[in-house]
Protein backbone atom coordinates (compact mmCIF):
# COMPACT_ATOMS: atom_id res chain seq x y z
CA MET A 1 34.60 -5.81 9.96
CA ILE A 2 30.49 -5.14 8.88
CA ASP A 3 28.07 -7.32 10.11
CA PHE A 4 25.54 -8.34 7.74
CA GLY A 5 23.50 -10.89 9.91
CA PRO A 6 21.18 -7.81 11.16
CA VAL A 7 20.84 -6.51 7.57
CA PHE A 8 20.26 -10.00 6.08
CA TRP A 9 17.79 -10.67 8.50
CA ALA A 10 16.07 -7.01 8.54
CA LEU A 11 16.11 -7.80 4.46
CA LEU A 12 14.31 -10.90 5.19
CA GLY A 13 11.80 -9.56 7.52
CA GLY A 14 10.94 -6.88 5.21
CA PHE A 15 10.53 -8.49 1.83
CA VAL A 16 9.19 -12.33 3.01
CA PRO A 17 6.06 -10.85 4.51
CA ALA A 18 5.54 -8.54 1.56
CA LEU A 19 6.08 -11.32 -1.00
CA ILE A 20 3.78 -13.69 0.96
CA TRP A 21 0.92 -11.13 0.62
CA LEU A 22 1.63 -9.70 -3.02
CA TRP A 23 0.87 -14.00 -3.94
CA PHE A 24 -1.96 -13.63 -1.83
CA TRP A 25 -3.83 -10.91 -3.81
CA LEU A 26 -2.64 -11.84 -7.32
CA LYS A 27 -4.28 -14.83 -6.57
CA GLU A 28 -7.53 -12.81 -6.26
CA ASP A 29 -6.81 -11.84 -10.01
CA PHE A 30 -5.41 -15.08 -11.43
CA ASN A 31 -7.93 -15.29 -14.06
CA HIS A 32 -6.37 -12.24 -15.81
CA PRO A 33 -3.06 -12.14 -14.46
CA GLU A 34 -0.78 -8.73 -15.09
CA PRO A 35 2.53 -8.97 -16.68
CA VAL A 36 5.29 -10.28 -14.88
CA ARG A 37 7.56 -7.58 -15.72
CA LEU A 38 4.85 -4.84 -14.46
CA ILE A 39 4.18 -6.53 -11.32
CA ILE A 40 7.94 -5.72 -11.01
CA ALA A 41 7.89 -2.33 -12.02
CA ALA A 42 5.14 -2.06 -9.91
CA PHE A 43 7.27 -3.64 -6.67
CA LEU A 44 10.06 -1.11 -6.97
CA GLY A 45 8.45 1.69 -7.76
CA GLY A 46 6.68 0.85 -4.41
CA MET A 47 10.19 0.74 -3.04
CA LEU A 48 11.97 3.45 -4.45
CA VAL A 49 8.88 6.54 -3.22
CA VAL A 50 10.44 5.00 0.29
CA PRO A 51 13.33 8.01 0.38
CA PHE A 52 10.83 10.44 -1.08
CA ALA A 53 8.68 9.79 2.06
CA LEU A 54 10.95 9.77 4.81
CA VAL A 55 11.82 13.11 3.54
CA LEU A 56 8.94 15.14 2.96
CA GLU A 57 7.78 13.30 6.46
CA LYS A 58 10.93 14.91 8.44
CA THR A 59 9.71 17.81 7.16
CA ALA A 60 6.40 17.55 8.03
CA HIS A 61 7.53 16.97 11.91
CA ALA A 62 10.06 19.92 11.64
CA TYR A 63 7.35 22.44 10.76
CA THR A 64 3.71 20.77 12.53
CA GLN A 65 2.80 20.83 16.09
CA SER A 66 -0.01 18.81 16.47
CA VAL A 67 0.21 15.38 16.50
CA PHE A 68 -3.11 14.45 14.79
CA LEU A 69 -2.48 16.70 12.25
CA LEU A 70 1.11 15.35 11.77
CA PHE A 71 -0.24 11.53 11.52
CA ILE A 72 -2.79 12.91 8.62
CA ILE A 73 0.22 14.63 6.71
CA TRP A 74 2.26 11.35 6.91
CA ALA A 75 -0.63 8.95 5.77
CA ALA A 76 -1.16 11.59 2.71
CA ILE A 77 2.52 11.55 1.76
CA GLU A 78 2.22 7.98 1.61
CA GLU A 79 -1.04 7.58 -0.28
CA ILE A 80 -0.17 9.99 -2.51
CA LEU A 81 3.72 8.84 -3.14
CA LYS A 82 2.22 5.42 -3.71
CA PHE A 83 -0.42 6.36 -6.09
CA GLY A 84 1.97 8.49 -8.16
CA ALA A 85 4.46 5.48 -8.82
CA ALA A 86 1.28 3.77 -10.01
CA TYR A 87 0.13 5.84 -12.00
CA PHE A 88 3.78 6.31 -13.67
CA ILE A 89 4.00 2.83 -14.04
CA ALA A 90 0.26 1.73 -14.83
CA PHE A 91 -2.02 4.48 -14.70
CA ARG A 92 -1.22 6.63 -18.24
CA LYS A 93 -2.59 6.10 -21.64
CA GLU A 94 1.27 4.62 -22.25
CA CYS A 95 3.22 2.93 -19.75
CA ILE A 96 6.35 2.35 -18.95
CA ASP A 97 6.78 -0.32 -21.60
CA LYS A 98 4.58 1.81 -24.01
CA SER A 99 1.85 -0.51 -24.12
CA ARG A 100 -1.79 -0.15 -22.36
CA CYS A 101 -1.11 -1.45 -18.88
CA ILE A 102 -5.12 -0.95 -17.51
CA ASN A 103 -7.54 -3.35 -19.49
CA ASP A 104 -9.43 -5.06 -16.71
CA THR A 105 -11.36 -3.48 -13.86
CA MET A 106 -9.03 -5.45 -11.72
CA ASP A 107 -6.10 -4.17 -12.74
CA PRO A 108 -5.77 -1.00 -10.81
CA ILE A 109 -6.51 -2.87 -7.38
CA ILE A 110 -3.47 -5.16 -8.64
CA TYR A 111 -0.88 -2.57 -9.67
CA LEU A 112 -1.25 -0.45 -6.06
CA ILE A 113 -1.29 -3.17 -4.10
CA THR A 114 1.27 -4.21 -5.72
CA VAL A 115 3.28 -0.92 -5.03
CA ALA A 116 1.65 -0.51 -1.51
CA LEU A 117 3.60 -4.05 -0.70
CA GLY A 118 7.27 -2.64 -2.13
CA PHE A 119 6.93 0.12 -0.40
CA SER A 120 6.04 -1.78 3.02
CA ALA A 121 9.13 -4.18 1.94
CA VAL A 122 11.73 -1.25 2.69
CA GLU A 123 9.83 0.51 5.58
CA SER A 124 9.66 -2.47 7.62
CA THR A 125 13.37 -3.59 6.85
CA LEU A 126 13.98 0.12 8.26
CA PHE A 127 11.98 -0.40 11.20
CA LEU A 128 13.86 -3.53 11.67
CA ILE A 129 17.31 -2.86 11.26
CA ASN A 130 17.48 -0.78 14.37
CA PRO A 131 16.37 -3.15 17.03
CA LEU A 132 18.81 -6.13 15.38
CA LEU A 133 22.20 -4.32 14.83
CA GLU A 134 21.65 -3.23 18.66
CA GLY A 135 21.21 -7.22 19.55
CA ASP A 136 17.72 -7.10 20.26
CA LEU A 137 16.38 -10.15 18.63
CA TRP A 138 12.98 -10.11 20.73
CA GLY A 139 12.68 -6.41 19.82
CA GLY A 140 13.30 -7.19 16.38
CA LEU A 141 10.55 -10.36 16.18
CA VAL A 142 7.75 -8.65 17.87
CA THR A 143 8.49 -5.56 15.24
CA GLY A 144 8.45 -7.88 12.62
CA ASN A 145 5.16 -9.65 13.57
CA LEU A 146 3.47 -6.69 14.07
CA ARG A 147 3.64 -5.19 10.81
CA PHE A 148 3.30 -8.49 9.37
CA ILE A 149 -0.08 -8.41 10.74
CA GLY A 150 -0.51 -4.61 11.15
CA ALA A 151 1.88 -2.53 8.90
CA THR A 152 1.84 -4.42 5.70
CA VAL A 153 -1.38 -5.01 5.39
CA LEU A 154 -2.29 -1.71 5.87
CA HIS A 155 -0.56 -0.15 3.32
CA ALA A 156 -1.91 -3.26 1.25
CA VAL A 157 -5.77 -2.16 1.89
CA SER A 158 -5.13 1.48 1.95
CA SER A 159 -3.99 1.50 -1.33
CA GLY A 160 -6.60 -1.19 -2.29
CA ILE A 161 -9.05 1.17 -1.53
CA ILE A 162 -7.78 3.45 -4.18
CA GLY A 163 -7.46 0.48 -6.60
CA VAL A 164 -11.21 -0.48 -6.25
CA ALA A 165 -12.78 3.17 -6.50
CA MET A 166 -10.39 3.23 -9.61
CA GLY A 167 -12.08 -0.19 -10.77
CA LEU A 168 -15.60 0.96 -9.53
CA SER A 169 -15.09 3.94 -11.99
CA PHE A 170 -13.69 2.08 -14.65
CA TYR A 171 -15.97 2.47 -17.49
CA LYS A 172 -17.72 6.12 -15.97
CA ASN A 173 -17.06 9.24 -17.73
CA PRO A 174 -13.75 11.10 -16.51
CA ALA A 175 -15.79 13.29 -13.68
CA TYR A 176 -16.83 10.56 -12.19
CA LYS A 177 -13.52 8.96 -12.40
CA LYS A 178 -11.70 11.77 -10.87
CA LEU A 179 -14.28 12.40 -8.55
CA PHE A 180 -13.96 8.36 -7.14
CA ILE A 181 -10.17 8.34 -7.41
CA GLY A 182 -10.28 11.63 -5.16
CA LEU A 183 -13.18 9.79 -3.15
CA GLY A 184 -10.49 6.60 -2.74
CA ILE A 185 -7.09 8.60 -1.90
CA CYS A 186 -8.59 10.67 0.94
CA THR A 187 -10.49 7.21 2.10
CA ALA A 188 -7.09 5.78 2.23
CA ILE A 189 -5.60 8.75 4.17
CA VAL A 190 -8.05 8.45 6.70
CA LEU A 191 -7.61 4.73 7.46
CA HIS A 192 -4.19 5.44 7.19
CA ALA A 193 -3.89 7.83 10.02
CA LEU A 194 -6.66 6.49 12.22
CA PHE A 195 -4.95 3.12 12.20
CA ASN A 196 -1.37 4.83 12.89
CA ILE A 197 -3.11 7.30 15.97
CA SER A 198 -4.56 3.96 17.60
CA ILE A 199 -1.78 2.15 17.40
CA ILE A 200 0.60 5.13 19.29
CA SER A 201 -2.68 5.75 21.97
CA SER A 202 -3.36 2.25 22.36
CA LYS A 203 -3.57 0.89 25.63
CA GLU A 204 -2.32 -2.68 26.62
CA GLY A 205 -4.80 -5.11 25.14
CA SER A 206 -6.23 -2.97 23.19
CA LEU A 207 -3.79 -3.60 20.11
CA PHE A 208 -5.94 -7.11 19.54
CA ILE A 209 -9.30 -4.65 18.81
CA ILE A 210 -6.99 -2.55 15.94
CA PHE A 211 -5.82 -5.86 14.80
CA GLY A 212 -9.34 -7.18 14.41
CA ILE A 213 -11.02 -3.98 13.46
CA LEU A 214 -8.41 -3.96 10.26
CA TRP A 215 -8.68 -7.46 9.15
CA MET A 216 -12.68 -6.70 9.06
CA VAL A 217 -11.85 -4.17 6.45
CA VAL A 218 -9.58 -6.64 4.50
CA PHE A 219 -12.41 -9.30 4.11
CA ALA A 220 -14.69 -5.74 3.18
CA LEU A 221 -12.50 -5.37 0.59
CA LEU A 222 -12.02 -8.98 -0.57
CA ALA A 223 -15.77 -8.54 -0.79
CA VAL A 224 -15.83 -5.56 -2.82
CA PHE A 225 -12.82 -7.16 -4.98
CA GLU A 226 -15.67 -9.52 -5.97
CA ARG A 227 -18.68 -6.93 -7.08
CA VAL A 228 -15.65 -5.33 -8.85
CA LYS A 229 -14.25 -8.43 -11.14
CA ARG A 230 -18.33 -8.60 -11.96
CA ILE A 231 -18.43 -5.50 -13.35
CA ARG A 232 -19.22 -5.69 -16.88
CA LYS A 233 -18.62 -3.70 -19.94
CA THR A 234 -21.21 -1.05 -20.84
CA ASN A 235 -19.47 2.35 -22.03
CA ARG A 236 -16.02 2.19 -21.82
CA ILE A 237 -14.18 5.01 -21.45
CA LYS A 238 -10.59 4.15 -21.70
CA GLY A 239 -7.88 5.58 -19.07
CA PHE A 240 -7.28 7.43 -15.97
CA PRO A 241 -7.35 11.30 -15.59
């Protein structure tokens, strides 16, 4: 008989933190909320790209000798796939429900973070399943706490950086938009890779420093959010490349 208990707890540990963070970030844009159907679609989009990420990361692992380069490639795979999901769902001129999804500077940030949290929910569930199936409750709790504090926040922040770049270039011409999006994606990849490398190579007691730096980035991102909210219409160029 199949024991669904560990699977249930793994799903709970993966999705509850992601949903808590989603609620937190959505509160940042409560004055101009996105349609619920598109938030759900973005979250599901993030979930659906996880298998593609796993296949690509496994392939990269087989052909990459340098550990440092491998972490960069893994980060690039995840950030590009998350951005691709958000683009397909919300950033095209006509998004999935044939309407215009992006009409405010905060919209790209919210959609990208939502995709990232859907991605994180599935990824965290997969990380939790093994220790729970093996009966290692303590290992599952530690993994769950670390992912709630670190990995889930990292996914949201790294994708949020791309969203901020899009928000800051919202009223710019297409060339500026492409430049800002490129810089945003590169910054997200670097942050993602550095965090993962720091966790793997960290010594006892240094995790607090790493997580502390990550939380400083969160607060900095929140401050930039406020800057993006205050951007006013000057010379609006619709759509993103």
